[in-house]
Amino acid sequence: MANYRWDESQIEHLKELITRKVSLARAAVILKRPQSSVQIQARRLGTPFPGIRATKALLKARMEAAEGKASR
């Protein structure tokens, strides 16, 4: 497996994606890197992505809120 180092522009882009609350999967696609690499780099920066359970719970809560507003 190739070892590609993160340059400053990629790290800044990752920080921006994290502050915009982009998911790990989406950030990996945008940065064209494996999810594991993006997750490790985010942890090194001190801003890890939320776990899959937390992400699913958040999505479920958003869906329920949207359905509640639509039924009113």
N, C-alpha and C. Protein backbone atom coordinates (compact mmCIF):
# COMPACT_ATOMS: atom_id res chain seq x y z
N MET A 1 0.84 -1.17 0.00
CA MET A 1 0.00 0.00 0.00
C MET A 1 0.89 1.24 0.00
N ALA A 2 0.52 2.20 -0.80
CA ALA A 2 1.31 3.42 -0.92
C ALA A 2 1.12 4.29 0.32
N ASN A 3 2.15 5.03 0.65
CA ASN A 3 2.10 5.92 1.80
C ASN A 3 2.17 7.36 1.29
N TYR A 4 1.02 8.00 1.17
CA TYR A 4 0.97 9.38 0.71
C TYR A 4 0.85 10.30 1.91
N ARG A 5 1.75 11.24 2.00
CA ARG A 5 1.72 12.18 3.12
C ARG A 5 0.66 13.25 2.88
N TRP A 6 0.17 13.77 3.98
CA TRP A 6 -0.81 14.84 3.93
C TRP A 6 -0.05 16.16 3.79
N ASP A 7 -0.43 16.98 2.81
CA ASP A 7 0.18 18.30 2.72
C ASP A 7 -0.71 19.30 3.44
N GLU A 8 -0.21 20.51 3.61
CA GLU A 8 -0.94 21.52 4.39
C GLU A 8 -2.30 21.86 3.79
N SER A 9 -2.41 21.90 2.47
CA SER A 9 -3.70 22.24 1.85
C SER A 9 -4.74 21.16 2.14
N GLN A 10 -4.32 19.89 2.12
CA GLN A 10 -5.26 18.81 2.42
C GLN A 10 -5.68 18.84 3.88
N ILE A 11 -4.76 19.15 4.77
CA ILE A 11 -5.09 19.23 6.20
C ILE A 11 -6.07 20.37 6.44
N GLU A 12 -5.84 21.50 5.80
CA GLU A 12 -6.77 22.64 5.93
C GLU A 12 -8.14 22.29 5.36
N HIS A 13 -8.16 21.57 4.24
CA HIS A 13 -9.43 21.15 3.65
C HIS A 13 -10.17 20.20 4.59
N LEU A 14 -9.44 19.29 5.21
CA LEU A 14 -10.04 18.37 6.17
C LEU A 14 -10.62 19.13 7.36
N LYS A 15 -9.89 20.11 7.88
CA LYS A 15 -10.40 20.92 8.99
C LYS A 15 -11.69 21.63 8.60
N GLU A 16 -11.72 22.15 7.39
CA GLU A 16 -12.92 22.83 6.90
C GLU A 16 -14.10 21.87 6.81
N LEU A 17 -13.85 20.67 6.30
CA LEU A 17 -14.92 19.68 6.18
C LEU A 17 -15.44 19.28 7.56
N ILE A 18 -14.55 19.15 8.52
CA ILE A 18 -14.95 18.79 9.87
C ILE A 18 -15.82 19.88 10.48
N THR A 19 -15.43 21.14 10.30
CA THR A 19 -16.22 22.23 10.87
C THR A 19 -17.58 22.35 10.19
N ARG A 20 -17.67 21.91 8.94
CA ARG A 20 -18.95 21.93 8.22
C ARG A 20 -19.80 20.69 8.53
N LYS A 21 -19.31 19.82 9.43
CA LYS A 21 -20.01 18.61 9.85
C LYS A 21 -20.25 17.62 8.71
N VAL A 22 -19.27 17.53 7.81
CA VAL A 22 -19.35 16.56 6.72
C VAL A 22 -19.05 15.18 7.28
N SER A 23 -19.71 14.16 6.76
CA SER A 23 -19.49 12.81 7.27
C SER A 23 -18.11 12.28 6.88
N LEU A 24 -17.68 11.27 7.58
CA LEU A 24 -16.39 10.65 7.30
C LEU A 24 -16.36 10.12 5.87
N ALA A 25 -17.40 9.43 5.46
CA ALA A 25 -17.44 8.85 4.12
C ALA A 25 -17.36 9.93 3.05
N ARG A 26 -18.09 11.01 3.24
CA ARG A 26 -18.08 12.09 2.25
C ARG A 26 -16.72 12.79 2.22
N ALA A 27 -16.12 13.00 3.39
CA ALA A 27 -14.80 13.63 3.45
C ALA A 27 -13.77 12.77 2.73
N ALA A 28 -13.86 11.45 2.89
CA ALA A 28 -12.92 10.55 2.23
C ALA A 28 -13.04 10.65 0.71
N VAL A 29 -14.26 10.74 0.22
CA VAL A 29 -14.48 10.86 -1.23
C VAL A 29 -13.94 12.20 -1.73
N ILE A 30 -14.24 13.27 -1.00
CA ILE A 30 -13.79 14.60 -1.41
C ILE A 30 -12.27 14.68 -1.45
N LEU A 31 -11.62 14.10 -0.43
CA LEU A 31 -10.16 14.15 -0.33
C LEU A 31 -9.47 13.06 -1.15
N LYS A 32 -10.27 12.13 -1.70
CA LYS A 32 -9.74 11.01 -2.49
C LYS A 32 -8.72 10.20 -1.69
N ARG A 33 -9.15 9.86 -0.47
CA ARG A 33 -8.33 9.05 0.43
C ARG A 33 -9.21 8.00 1.09
N PRO A 34 -8.62 6.91 1.58
CA PRO A 34 -9.40 5.91 2.31
C PRO A 34 -10.01 6.49 3.59
N GLN A 35 -11.17 5.97 3.97
CA GLN A 35 -11.82 6.45 5.20
C GLN A 35 -10.92 6.31 6.41
N SER A 36 -10.19 5.22 6.48
CA SER A 36 -9.31 5.00 7.64
C SER A 36 -8.24 6.09 7.72
N SER A 37 -7.69 6.49 6.59
CA SER A 37 -6.68 7.53 6.56
C SER A 37 -7.25 8.87 7.02
N VAL A 38 -8.45 9.20 6.54
CA VAL A 38 -9.10 10.45 6.92
C VAL A 38 -9.43 10.44 8.40
N GLN A 39 -9.92 9.31 8.90
CA GLN A 39 -10.28 9.21 10.31
C GLN A 39 -9.05 9.35 11.21
N ILE A 40 -7.96 8.73 10.84
CA ILE A 40 -6.73 8.81 11.62
C ILE A 40 -6.21 10.24 11.64
N GLN A 41 -6.22 10.90 10.49
CA GLN A 41 -5.72 12.28 10.43
C GLN A 41 -6.60 13.21 11.26
N ALA A 42 -7.92 13.01 11.22
CA ALA A 42 -8.83 13.83 12.02
C ALA A 42 -8.56 13.64 13.51
N ARG A 43 -8.29 12.41 13.91
CA ARG A 43 -7.96 12.15 15.33
C ARG A 43 -6.66 12.84 15.72
N ARG A 44 -5.69 12.82 14.82
CA ARG A 44 -4.41 13.50 15.11
C ARG A 44 -4.61 14.99 15.28
N LEU A 45 -5.57 15.54 14.56
CA LEU A 45 -5.86 16.97 14.66
C LEU A 45 -6.66 17.30 15.91
N GLY A 46 -7.14 16.26 16.60
CA GLY A 46 -7.92 16.46 17.81
C GLY A 46 -9.40 16.68 17.55
N THR A 47 -9.84 16.40 16.33
CA THR A 47 -11.26 16.57 15.98
C THR A 47 -11.77 15.32 15.28
N PRO A 48 -11.93 14.23 16.02
CA PRO A 48 -12.36 12.99 15.37
C PRO A 48 -13.80 13.07 14.88
N PHE A 49 -14.09 12.29 13.86
CA PHE A 49 -15.45 12.17 13.37
C PHE A 49 -16.27 11.38 14.38
N PRO A 50 -17.57 11.63 14.47
CA PRO A 50 -18.40 10.83 15.38
C PRO A 50 -18.48 9.39 14.89
N GLY A 51 -18.71 8.47 15.81
CA GLY A 51 -18.84 7.06 15.46
C GLY A 51 -20.09 6.82 14.64
N ILE A 52 -20.18 5.65 14.05
CA ILE A 52 -21.30 5.31 13.18
C ILE A 52 -22.62 5.29 13.95
N ARG A 53 -22.59 4.84 15.20
CA ARG A 53 -23.83 4.81 15.99
C ARG A 53 -24.35 6.22 16.24
N ALA A 54 -23.46 7.12 16.59
CA ALA A 54 -23.86 8.51 16.83
C ALA A 54 -24.39 9.14 15.54
N THR A 55 -23.75 8.84 14.43
CA THR A 55 -24.18 9.39 13.14
C THR A 55 -25.56 8.87 12.78
N LYS A 56 -25.78 7.58 12.95
CA LYS A 56 -27.10 7.00 12.64
C LYS A 56 -28.18 7.57 13.55
N ALA A 57 -27.87 7.76 14.82
CA ALA A 57 -28.84 8.33 15.76
C ALA A 57 -29.19 9.76 15.36
N LEU A 58 -28.21 10.52 14.95
CA LEU A 58 -28.45 11.90 14.51
C LEU A 58 -29.32 11.93 13.27
N LEU A 59 -29.03 11.06 12.31
CA LEU A 59 -29.83 10.99 11.09
C LEU A 59 -31.27 10.58 11.40
N LYS A 60 -31.43 9.62 12.30
CA LYS A 60 -32.77 9.18 12.67
C LYS A 60 -33.55 10.31 13.32
N ALA A 61 -32.90 11.05 14.21
CA ALA A 61 -33.56 12.18 14.87
C ALA A 61 -33.95 13.25 13.86
N ARG A 62 -33.09 13.52 12.89
CA ARG A 62 -33.41 14.50 11.85
C ARG A 62 -34.60 14.05 11.01
N MET A 63 -34.63 12.77 10.66
CA MET A 63 -35.74 12.23 9.86
C MET A 63 -37.06 12.32 10.63
N GLU A 64 -37.02 11.96 11.90
CA GLU A 64 -38.23 12.03 12.71
C GLU A 64 -38.72 13.46 12.87
N ALA A 65 -37.79 14.39 13.03
CA ALA A 65 -38.17 15.80 13.15
C ALA A 65 -38.79 16.30 11.85
N ALA A 66 -38.20 15.90 10.72
CA ALA A 66 -38.73 16.31 9.42
C ALA A 66 -40.12 15.72 9.19
N GLU A 67 -40.31 14.47 9.57
CA GLU A 67 -41.62 13.83 9.41
C GLU A 67 -42.65 14.48 10.31
N GLY A 68 -42.24 14.89 11.49
CA GLY A 68 -43.14 15.56 12.43
C GLY A 68 -43.60 16.91 11.88
N LYS A 69 -42.70 17.65 11.26
CA LYS A 69 -43.05 18.93 10.68
C LYS A 69 -43.93 18.75 9.45
N ALA A 70 -43.68 17.69 8.67
CA ALA A 70 -44.46 17.47 7.46
C ALA A 70 -45.89 17.04 7.78
N SER A 71 -46.11 16.37 8.90
CA SER A 71 -47.46 15.88 9.24
C SER A 71 -48.32 16.95 9.88
N ARG A 72 -47.73 18.06 10.26
CA ARG A 72 -48.50 19.14 10.92
C ARG A 72 -49.28 19.95 9.94
